[in-house]
N, C-alpha and C. Protein backbone atom coordinates (compact mmCIF):
# COMPACT_ATOMS: atom_id res chain seq x y z
N UNK A 1 3.01 -8.38 -32.26
CA UNK A 1 3.16 -7.36 -31.15
C UNK A 1 4.14 -8.13 -30.17
N UNK A 2 4.93 -7.19 -29.43
CA UNK A 2 6.09 -7.66 -28.59
C UNK A 2 5.23 -7.63 -27.13
N UNK A 3 5.45 -8.32 -26.21
CA UNK A 3 5.04 -8.31 -24.77
C UNK A 3 6.27 -8.41 -24.21
N UNK A 4 6.29 -7.60 -23.07
CA UNK A 4 7.52 -7.57 -21.92
C UNK A 4 7.44 -8.87 -21.17
N UNK A 5 8.25 -9.33 -21.13
CA UNK A 5 8.66 -10.36 -20.25
C UNK A 5 8.25 -10.28 -18.74
N UNK A 6 7.61 -10.49 -18.14
CA UNK A 6 7.47 -10.02 -16.53
C UNK A 6 8.36 -10.66 -15.85
N UNK A 7 9.07 -11.46 -15.99
CA UNK A 7 10.01 -12.41 -15.10
C UNK A 7 11.23 -11.79 -15.26
N UNK A 8 11.83 -10.55 -16.19
CA UNK A 8 12.88 -10.01 -16.72
C UNK A 8 12.99 -8.92 -15.51
N UNK A 9 13.82 -9.00 -14.51
CA UNK A 9 14.09 -7.87 -13.63
C UNK A 9 15.05 -7.02 -13.92
N UNK A 10 14.93 -5.39 -14.03
CA UNK A 10 16.18 -4.66 -14.38
C UNK A 10 17.43 -5.02 -13.94
N UNK A 11 18.31 -4.85 -14.63
CA UNK A 11 19.74 -4.93 -14.05
C UNK A 11 20.05 -4.18 -12.58
N UNK A 12 19.46 -2.68 -12.71
CA UNK A 12 19.80 -2.05 -11.58
C UNK A 12 18.89 -2.97 -10.37
N UNK A 13 17.89 -3.22 -10.50
CA UNK A 13 17.47 -3.89 -9.32
C UNK A 13 18.10 -5.23 -8.69
N UNK A 14 18.72 -5.82 -9.89
CA UNK A 14 19.50 -6.96 -9.08
C UNK A 14 20.88 -6.35 -8.33
N UNK A 15 21.19 -5.48 -9.03
CA UNK A 15 22.34 -4.90 -8.33
C UNK A 15 22.08 -4.49 -6.76
N UNK A 16 20.65 -3.86 -6.82
CA UNK A 16 20.28 -3.06 -5.60
C UNK A 16 20.40 -3.95 -4.46
N UNK A 17 19.62 -5.40 -4.84
CA UNK A 17 19.39 -6.41 -4.03
C UNK A 17 20.72 -7.03 -3.83
N UNK A 18 22.10 -7.06 -4.64
CA UNK A 18 22.98 -7.75 -4.30
C UNK A 18 23.86 -6.92 -3.40
N UNK A 19 23.66 -5.57 -3.72
CA UNK A 19 24.26 -4.48 -2.50
C UNK A 19 23.92 -4.59 -1.22
N UNK A 20 22.36 -4.78 -1.28
CA UNK A 20 21.81 -4.93 0.23
C UNK A 20 22.31 -6.11 0.79
N UNK A 21 22.57 -7.13 0.25
CA UNK A 21 23.03 -8.66 0.59
C UNK A 21 24.35 -8.56 1.24
N UNK A 22 25.18 -7.88 0.12
CA UNK A 22 26.54 -7.81 0.62
C UNK A 22 26.67 -6.77 1.95
N UNK A 23 25.94 -5.50 1.88
CA UNK A 23 26.15 -4.82 2.98
C UNK A 23 25.73 -5.39 4.27
N UNK A 24 24.64 -6.02 4.29
CA UNK A 24 24.06 -6.78 5.70
C UNK A 24 25.27 -7.98 6.22
N UNK A 25 25.90 -8.51 5.24
CA UNK A 25 26.81 -9.70 5.44
C UNK A 25 28.24 -8.98 5.87
N UNK A 26 28.21 -7.62 5.86
CA UNK A 26 29.55 -7.18 6.01
C UNK A 26 30.16 -7.33 7.53
N UNK A 27 31.34 -7.11 7.83
CA UNK A 27 31.82 -7.06 9.16
C UNK A 27 32.15 -5.83 9.44
N UNK A 28 32.29 -5.47 10.68
CA UNK A 28 32.69 -4.07 10.96
C UNK A 28 33.96 -3.61 10.27
N UNK A 29 35.00 -4.48 9.76
CA UNK A 29 35.94 -3.99 9.25
C UNK A 29 35.94 -3.92 7.81
N UNK A 30 35.12 -4.71 7.19
CA UNK A 30 34.51 -4.68 5.59
C UNK A 30 33.76 -3.86 5.19
N UNK A 31 32.90 -3.34 6.49
CA UNK A 31 31.53 -2.46 5.98
C UNK A 31 31.87 -1.04 5.36
N UNK A 32 32.89 -0.34 5.83
CA UNK A 32 33.20 0.66 5.03
C UNK A 32 34.04 0.97 3.62
N UNK A 33 34.67 0.07 3.22
CA UNK A 33 35.18 -0.16 2.22
C UNK A 33 34.13 -0.82 0.99
N UNK A 34 33.25 -1.63 1.75
CA UNK A 34 32.08 -1.87 0.77
C UNK A 34 31.20 -0.92 0.86
N UNK A 35 30.95 0.15 1.60
CA UNK A 35 29.92 1.17 1.25
C UNK A 35 30.66 1.78 0.15
N UNK A 36 32.07 2.12 0.09
CA UNK A 36 32.81 2.91 -0.60
C UNK A 36 32.80 2.42 -2.20
N UNK A 37 32.48 1.02 -2.03
CA UNK A 37 32.41 0.02 -3.52
C UNK A 37 30.94 0.18 -3.93
N UNK A 38 30.08 0.24 -3.13
CA UNK A 38 28.60 0.24 -3.54
C UNK A 38 28.65 1.77 -3.99
N UNK A 39 28.82 2.85 -3.48
CA UNK A 39 28.85 4.30 -4.07
C UNK A 39 29.69 4.32 -5.34
N UNK A 40 30.62 3.49 -5.94
CA UNK A 40 31.04 3.58 -7.27
C UNK A 40 30.30 3.03 -8.24
N UNK A 41 29.12 2.37 -7.91
CA UNK A 41 28.35 1.84 -8.86
C UNK A 41 27.68 2.80 -9.97
N UNK A 42 27.75 2.79 -11.09
CA UNK A 42 27.59 3.68 -12.21
C UNK A 42 25.78 4.16 -12.16
N UNK A 43 25.11 3.55 -11.84
CA UNK A 43 24.03 4.04 -11.06
C UNK A 43 23.88 4.79 -9.76
N UNK A 44 24.28 6.21 -9.62
CA UNK A 44 24.48 6.66 -8.23
C UNK A 44 23.30 6.88 -7.51
N UNK A 45 22.04 7.15 -8.26
CA UNK A 45 21.02 7.21 -7.42
C UNK A 45 20.38 5.88 -6.83
N UNK A 46 20.87 4.61 -7.48
CA UNK A 46 20.48 3.61 -6.92
C UNK A 46 21.42 3.08 -5.88
N UNK A 47 22.54 3.55 -6.01
CA UNK A 47 23.85 3.35 -5.06
C UNK A 47 23.59 3.77 -3.89
N UNK A 48 23.19 5.15 -4.03
CA UNK A 48 22.97 6.09 -2.43
C UNK A 48 21.59 5.34 -2.09
N UNK A 49 20.74 4.59 -2.52
CA UNK A 49 19.47 4.10 -2.02
C UNK A 49 20.00 3.04 -1.36
N UNK A 50 20.59 2.23 -2.09
CA UNK A 50 21.09 1.17 -1.18
C UNK A 50 21.82 1.52 -0.08
N UNK A 51 22.87 2.34 0.14
CA UNK A 51 23.37 2.60 1.32
C UNK A 51 22.94 3.25 2.01
N UNK A 52 21.94 4.17 1.82
CA UNK A 52 20.89 4.77 2.87
C UNK A 52 20.12 3.66 3.28
N UNK A 53 19.61 2.77 2.99
CA UNK A 53 18.76 1.79 3.44
C UNK A 53 19.42 1.08 4.78
N UNK A 54 20.55 0.91 4.24
CA UNK A 54 21.80 0.15 5.07
C UNK A 54 21.85 0.92 6.28
N UNK A 55 22.40 2.23 6.11
CA UNK A 55 22.31 3.09 7.04
C UNK A 55 21.55 3.02 7.95
N UNK A 56 20.41 2.97 7.55
CA UNK A 56 19.20 3.12 8.44
C UNK A 56 19.06 1.68 9.60
N UNK A 57 19.00 0.73 8.85
CA UNK A 57 19.39 -0.70 9.42
C UNK A 57 20.49 -0.59 10.64
N UNK A 58 21.59 -0.44 9.94
CA UNK A 58 22.67 -0.55 11.10
C UNK A 58 23.01 0.50 12.26
N UNK A 59 22.34 1.81 11.74
CA UNK A 59 22.43 3.12 12.84
C UNK A 59 21.44 2.55 13.93
N UNK A 60 20.39 1.81 13.45
CA UNK A 60 19.32 1.81 14.63
C UNK A 60 19.68 0.40 15.32
N UNK A 61 20.62 -0.46 14.65
CA UNK A 61 20.86 -1.45 15.63
C UNK A 61 21.98 -0.98 16.38
N UNK A 62 23.09 -0.25 16.02
CA UNK A 62 24.05 0.11 16.78
C UNK A 62 23.84 1.18 18.05
N UNK A 63 22.83 1.77 17.78
CA UNK A 63 22.51 2.82 18.94
C UNK A 63 21.81 2.03 20.04
N UNK A 64 21.21 0.95 19.78
CA UNK A 64 20.86 -0.21 21.14
C UNK A 64 22.33 -0.48 21.63
N UNK A 65 23.58 -0.82 21.24
CA UNK A 65 24.55 -1.34 21.60
C UNK A 65 25.30 -0.20 22.28
N UNK A 66 24.93 1.03 22.19
CA UNK A 66 25.54 2.07 23.11
C UNK A 66 26.62 3.01 21.98
N UNK A 67 26.89 4.20 22.70
CA UNK A 67 27.50 5.23 22.02
C UNK A 67 28.67 5.04 21.51
N UNK A 68 29.59 4.25 22.35
CA UNK A 68 31.11 4.07 21.53
C UNK A 68 30.88 3.07 20.17
N UNK A 69 30.17 2.23 20.25
CA UNK A 69 30.08 1.23 19.27
C UNK A 69 29.69 2.01 17.98
N UNK A 70 28.17 2.74 18.40
CA UNK A 70 27.61 3.75 17.09
C UNK A 70 28.82 4.99 16.78
N UNK A 71 29.22 5.31 17.73
CA UNK A 71 30.46 6.62 17.01
C UNK A 71 31.61 6.00 16.21
N UNK A 72 31.98 4.81 16.64
CA UNK A 72 33.16 4.22 15.98
C UNK A 72 32.59 3.87 14.47
N UNK A 73 31.28 3.38 14.24
CA UNK A 73 30.70 3.10 13.23
C UNK A 73 30.75 4.23 12.17
N UNK A 74 29.98 4.98 12.90
CA UNK A 74 29.81 6.33 12.37
C UNK A 74 31.07 7.38 11.91
N UNK A 75 32.05 7.19 12.15
CA UNK A 75 33.05 7.97 11.91
C UNK A 75 33.75 7.19 10.63
N UNK A 76 33.80 5.73 10.74
CA UNK A 76 34.35 5.12 9.81
C UNK A 76 33.51 5.24 8.29
N UNK A 77 32.09 5.17 8.45
CA UNK A 77 31.42 5.39 7.41
C UNK A 77 31.52 6.82 6.94
N UNK A 78 31.49 7.93 7.84
CA UNK A 78 31.16 9.21 7.32
C UNK A 78 32.84 9.32 6.40
N UNK A 79 33.69 8.88 6.37
CA UNK A 79 35.07 8.75 5.75
C UNK A 79 34.47 8.49 4.25
N UNK A 80 33.74 7.68 4.25
CA UNK A 80 33.03 6.95 2.96
C UNK A 80 31.97 7.61 2.12
N UNK A 81 31.30 8.66 2.95
CA UNK A 81 30.38 9.26 1.87
C UNK A 81 30.19 10.61 1.91
N UNK A 82 31.33 11.36 2.26
CA UNK A 82 31.45 12.72 2.38
C UNK A 82 31.08 13.52 0.99
N UNK A 83 31.29 12.46 -0.12
CA UNK A 83 30.94 13.22 -1.23
C UNK A 83 29.27 13.20 -1.77
N UNK A 84 28.55 12.68 -0.65
CA UNK A 84 27.45 12.30 -0.80
C UNK A 84 26.39 13.30 0.34
N UNK A 85 25.51 14.18 -0.22
CA UNK A 85 25.28 15.37 0.70
C UNK A 85 24.00 14.45 1.48
N UNK A 86 23.43 13.58 0.68
CA UNK A 86 22.00 13.09 1.49
C UNK A 86 22.59 12.15 2.50
N UNK A 87 23.52 11.26 2.17
CA UNK A 87 24.08 10.51 3.06
C UNK A 87 24.63 11.14 4.50
N UNK A 88 25.47 11.97 4.00
CA UNK A 88 25.90 12.81 5.31
C UNK A 88 24.87 13.34 6.28
N UNK A 89 23.94 14.17 5.50
CA UNK A 89 22.80 14.39 6.44
C UNK A 89 21.85 13.20 7.17
N UNK A 90 21.88 12.06 6.51
CA UNK A 90 21.28 11.27 7.18
C UNK A 90 22.05 10.75 8.38
N UNK A 91 23.14 10.42 8.01
CA UNK A 91 24.34 10.13 9.29
C UNK A 91 24.26 11.16 10.32
N UNK A 92 24.26 11.99 10.05
CA UNK A 92 24.25 13.16 11.13
C UNK A 92 22.96 13.33 11.98
N UNK A 93 21.88 12.84 11.16
CA UNK A 93 20.29 13.13 11.87
C UNK A 93 20.41 11.46 12.85
N UNK A 94 21.09 10.26 12.45
CA UNK A 94 21.33 9.30 13.01
C UNK A 94 21.85 9.57 14.23
N UNK A 95 23.16 10.58 13.97
CA UNK A 95 24.00 10.92 15.42
C UNK A 95 23.15 11.59 16.50
N UNK A 96 22.29 12.48 15.58
CA UNK A 96 21.54 13.59 16.82
C UNK A 96 20.51 12.29 17.60
N UNK A 97 20.03 12.03 16.82
CA UNK A 97 18.83 10.55 17.35
C UNK A 97 19.46 9.77 18.41
N UNK A 98 20.75 9.22 18.47
CA UNK A 98 21.57 8.82 18.99
C UNK A 98 21.84 9.55 20.65
N UNK A 99 21.80 10.67 20.35
CA UNK A 99 22.22 11.81 21.34
C UNK A 99 20.95 11.73 22.07
N UNK A 100 19.98 11.74 21.67
CA UNK A 100 18.68 12.06 22.16
C UNK A 100 18.42 10.50 22.87
N UNK A 101 18.33 9.55 22.17
CA UNK A 101 17.89 8.21 22.90
C UNK A 101 18.90 7.82 23.83
N UNK A 102 20.24 8.05 23.95
CA UNK A 102 20.95 7.97 24.98
C UNK A 102 21.21 8.69 26.16
N UNK A 103 20.33 10.15 26.15
CA UNK A 103 20.38 11.06 26.93
C UNK A 103 21.98 11.66 27.02
N UNK A 104 22.16 11.79 25.89
CA UNK A 104 23.54 12.78 25.94
C UNK A 104 23.36 14.04 25.38
N UNK A 105 23.95 14.99 25.56
CA UNK A 105 23.82 16.48 24.93
C UNK A 105 23.35 16.65 23.51
N UNK A 106 22.33 17.37 23.29
CA UNK A 106 21.82 17.52 22.36
C UNK A 106 21.22 19.05 22.30
N UNK A 107 21.06 19.55 20.56
CA UNK A 107 20.79 20.76 20.80
C UNK A 107 18.80 20.70 20.26
N UNK A 108 18.22 21.49 21.16
CA UNK A 108 16.85 21.72 20.90
C UNK A 108 16.65 22.33 19.61
N UNK A 109 17.56 23.20 19.25
CA UNK A 109 17.45 23.93 17.59
C UNK A 109 17.71 23.04 16.60
N UNK A 110 18.47 22.18 16.56
CA UNK A 110 18.69 20.93 15.94
C UNK A 110 17.70 20.14 15.70
N UNK A 111 17.07 19.91 16.84
CA UNK A 111 15.90 18.78 16.62
C UNK A 111 14.70 19.77 15.94
N UNK A 112 14.49 20.82 16.27
CA UNK A 112 13.31 21.53 15.98
C UNK A 112 13.49 21.90 14.17
N UNK A 113 14.66 22.11 13.93
CA UNK A 113 14.96 22.26 12.45
C UNK A 113 15.33 21.14 11.66
N UNK A 114 15.25 19.91 12.23
CA UNK A 114 15.73 18.85 11.73
C UNK A 114 14.51 18.25 10.26
N UNK A 115 14.89 17.43 9.73
CA UNK A 115 14.05 17.28 8.58
C UNK A 115 12.90 16.27 9.38
N UNK A 116 11.77 16.45 8.70
CA UNK A 116 10.44 15.59 8.67
C UNK A 116 10.61 14.16 8.89
N UNK A 117 11.52 13.46 8.09
CA UNK A 117 12.22 12.18 8.55
C UNK A 117 12.42 12.13 9.83
N UNK A 118 13.59 12.90 10.43
CA UNK A 118 14.37 12.77 11.44
C UNK A 118 13.09 12.64 12.72
N UNK A 119 12.31 13.93 12.37
CA UNK A 119 11.38 14.33 13.30
C UNK A 119 10.18 13.13 13.59
N UNK A 120 9.85 12.32 12.59
CA UNK A 120 8.92 11.29 12.76
C UNK A 120 9.52 10.21 13.51
N UNK A 121 10.82 9.80 13.10
CA UNK A 121 11.41 8.79 13.59
C UNK A 121 11.72 9.06 15.18
N UNK A 122 12.01 10.46 15.55
CA UNK A 122 12.18 10.50 16.98
C UNK A 122 10.84 10.46 17.72
N UNK A 123 9.84 10.85 16.96
CA UNK A 123 8.56 11.06 17.75
C UNK A 123 8.21 9.35 17.79
N UNK A 124 8.54 8.56 16.93
CA UNK A 124 8.17 7.12 17.04
C UNK A 124 9.04 6.48 18.03
N UNK A 125 10.41 6.92 18.37
CA UNK A 125 11.26 5.93 19.17
C UNK A 125 11.75 6.35 20.41
N UNK A 126 11.94 7.84 20.65
CA UNK A 126 12.62 8.39 21.66
C UNK A 126 11.53 8.14 23.00
N UNK A 127 12.07 8.48 24.26
CA UNK A 127 11.33 8.37 25.49
C UNK A 127 11.74 9.64 26.16
N UNK A 128 12.66 10.43 25.77
CA UNK A 128 13.35 11.46 26.63
C UNK A 128 12.16 12.66 26.62
N UNK A 129 11.59 13.02 27.59
CA UNK A 129 10.70 13.74 28.13
C UNK A 129 10.66 15.40 27.34
N UNK A 130 12.16 15.86 27.58
CA UNK A 130 12.51 16.98 26.85
C UNK A 130 12.15 16.92 25.31
N UNK A 131 12.79 15.92 24.85
CA UNK A 131 12.51 15.95 23.35
C UNK A 131 11.21 15.66 22.97
N UNK A 132 10.38 14.91 23.54
CA UNK A 132 9.01 14.63 23.05
C UNK A 132 8.18 15.95 23.60
N UNK A 133 8.36 16.69 24.48
CA UNK A 133 7.87 17.95 24.72
C UNK A 133 7.93 19.09 23.20
N UNK A 134 9.36 19.12 23.19
CA UNK A 134 9.77 20.14 21.80
C UNK A 134 8.84 19.60 20.84
N UNK A 135 8.86 18.40 20.29
CA UNK A 135 8.19 17.81 19.41
C UNK A 135 6.95 17.68 19.30
N UNK A 136 6.26 17.62 20.46
CA UNK A 136 4.69 17.80 20.73
C UNK A 136 4.24 19.27 20.50
N UNK A 137 5.01 20.24 20.73
CA UNK A 137 4.71 21.57 20.77
C UNK A 137 5.44 22.15 19.43
N UNK A 138 6.40 21.79 18.89
CA UNK A 138 6.91 22.39 18.00
C UNK A 138 7.18 21.68 16.62
N UNK A 139 6.66 20.42 16.40
CA UNK A 139 7.19 19.50 15.29
C UNK A 139 6.84 20.00 14.08
N UNK A 140 7.61 19.64 13.09
CA UNK A 140 7.19 20.36 11.91
C UNK A 140 5.73 19.67 11.17
N UNK A 141 4.97 18.62 11.59
CA UNK A 141 4.13 18.19 11.12
C UNK A 141 2.92 17.83 11.99
N UNK A 142 1.47 17.87 11.89
CA UNK A 142 0.37 17.54 12.71
C UNK A 142 1.06 15.98 13.08
N UNK A 143 1.31 15.18 12.16
CA UNK A 143 1.85 13.62 12.45
C UNK A 143 2.81 13.55 13.71
N UNK A 144 3.79 14.32 13.52
CA UNK A 144 5.00 14.36 14.53
C UNK A 144 4.23 14.89 15.84
N UNK A 145 3.69 16.01 15.96
CA UNK A 145 3.26 16.78 17.12
C UNK A 145 2.20 15.75 17.59
N UNK A 146 1.28 14.98 16.83
CA UNK A 146 0.26 14.27 17.80
C UNK A 146 1.15 13.07 18.06
N UNK A 147 2.08 12.54 17.28
CA UNK A 147 2.77 11.25 17.96
C UNK A 147 3.44 11.54 18.98
N UNK A 148 4.34 12.62 19.34
CA UNK A 148 4.88 12.98 20.15
C UNK A 148 4.04 13.06 21.54
N UNK A 149 2.79 13.99 21.22
CA UNK A 149 2.15 14.31 22.46
C UNK A 149 1.38 13.06 23.07
N UNK A 150 1.37 12.10 22.15
CA UNK A 150 0.50 10.82 22.56
C UNK A 150 1.36 10.13 23.29
N UNK A 151 3.15 9.89 22.64
CA UNK A 151 3.87 9.33 23.70
C UNK A 151 4.41 9.93 24.70
N UNK A 152 4.50 11.14 24.68
CA UNK A 152 4.77 12.21 26.23
C UNK A 152 3.52 11.61 27.11
N UNK A 153 2.36 11.19 26.65
CA UNK A 153 1.50 11.04 27.88
C UNK A 153 1.45 9.59 28.71
N UNK A 154 2.19 8.78 27.77
CA UNK A 154 2.38 7.38 28.03
C UNK A 154 3.76 7.06 28.32
N UNK A 155 4.59 7.90 28.41
CA UNK A 155 6.00 7.76 29.10
C UNK A 155 6.19 8.07 30.06
N UNK A 156 6.69 7.50 31.18
CA UNK A 156 6.95 7.87 32.61
C UNK A 156 8.22 8.65 32.68
N UNK A 157 7.87 9.99 33.23
CA UNK A 157 8.96 10.66 33.52
C UNK A 157 10.18 10.24 34.20
N UNK A 158 11.28 10.71 34.08
CA UNK A 158 12.50 10.17 34.79
C UNK A 158 12.59 11.07 36.55
N UNK A 159 11.83 12.08 36.14
CA UNK A 159 12.02 13.04 37.50
C UNK A 159 11.00 12.53 38.32
N UNK A 160 10.01 11.82 37.87
CA UNK A 160 8.90 11.43 39.22
C UNK A 160 9.50 10.70 39.82
N UNK A 161 9.03 10.68 41.33
CA UNK A 161 9.75 9.87 42.31
C UNK A 161 8.53 8.53 42.26
N UNK A 162 9.72 7.69 42.40
CA UNK A 162 8.91 6.14 42.62
C UNK A 162 8.35 5.88 43.91
N UNK A 163 7.00 5.30 43.82
CA UNK A 163 6.11 5.18 45.11
C UNK A 163 6.74 4.39 46.28
């Protein structure tokens, strides 16, 4: 009887890990081309997963650095992912989250109809009273509505006057 060697890691898992390491080490200049290279991997599902995980990490970091830096990055990455619907949608969602987070113009309808992922992420991270109110009242899931309502009660409103 042959037993499977538990120390053998499937090749696609090794490539995924390598893609993640390479993407994490990329510079602003090399990142877009590296994303394109990863997306040419023969295992398209694994490649998209690696890029998606990277987008989530990178976008969260760049939102903290401000709109200009995020927008430059998003424009460069968007050129590389146009043939990948999921990645394009995820980048769009991060752009919406950036707009809400930085108090830029955003569409209530867009947030109302956003994916469960974006609504959960927004409910967990934003402090914008209008967006939290919308999610507390009209979020897609009970989890989103409850999280947003809880955060709304704990978030000081910008329109309240200081003592």
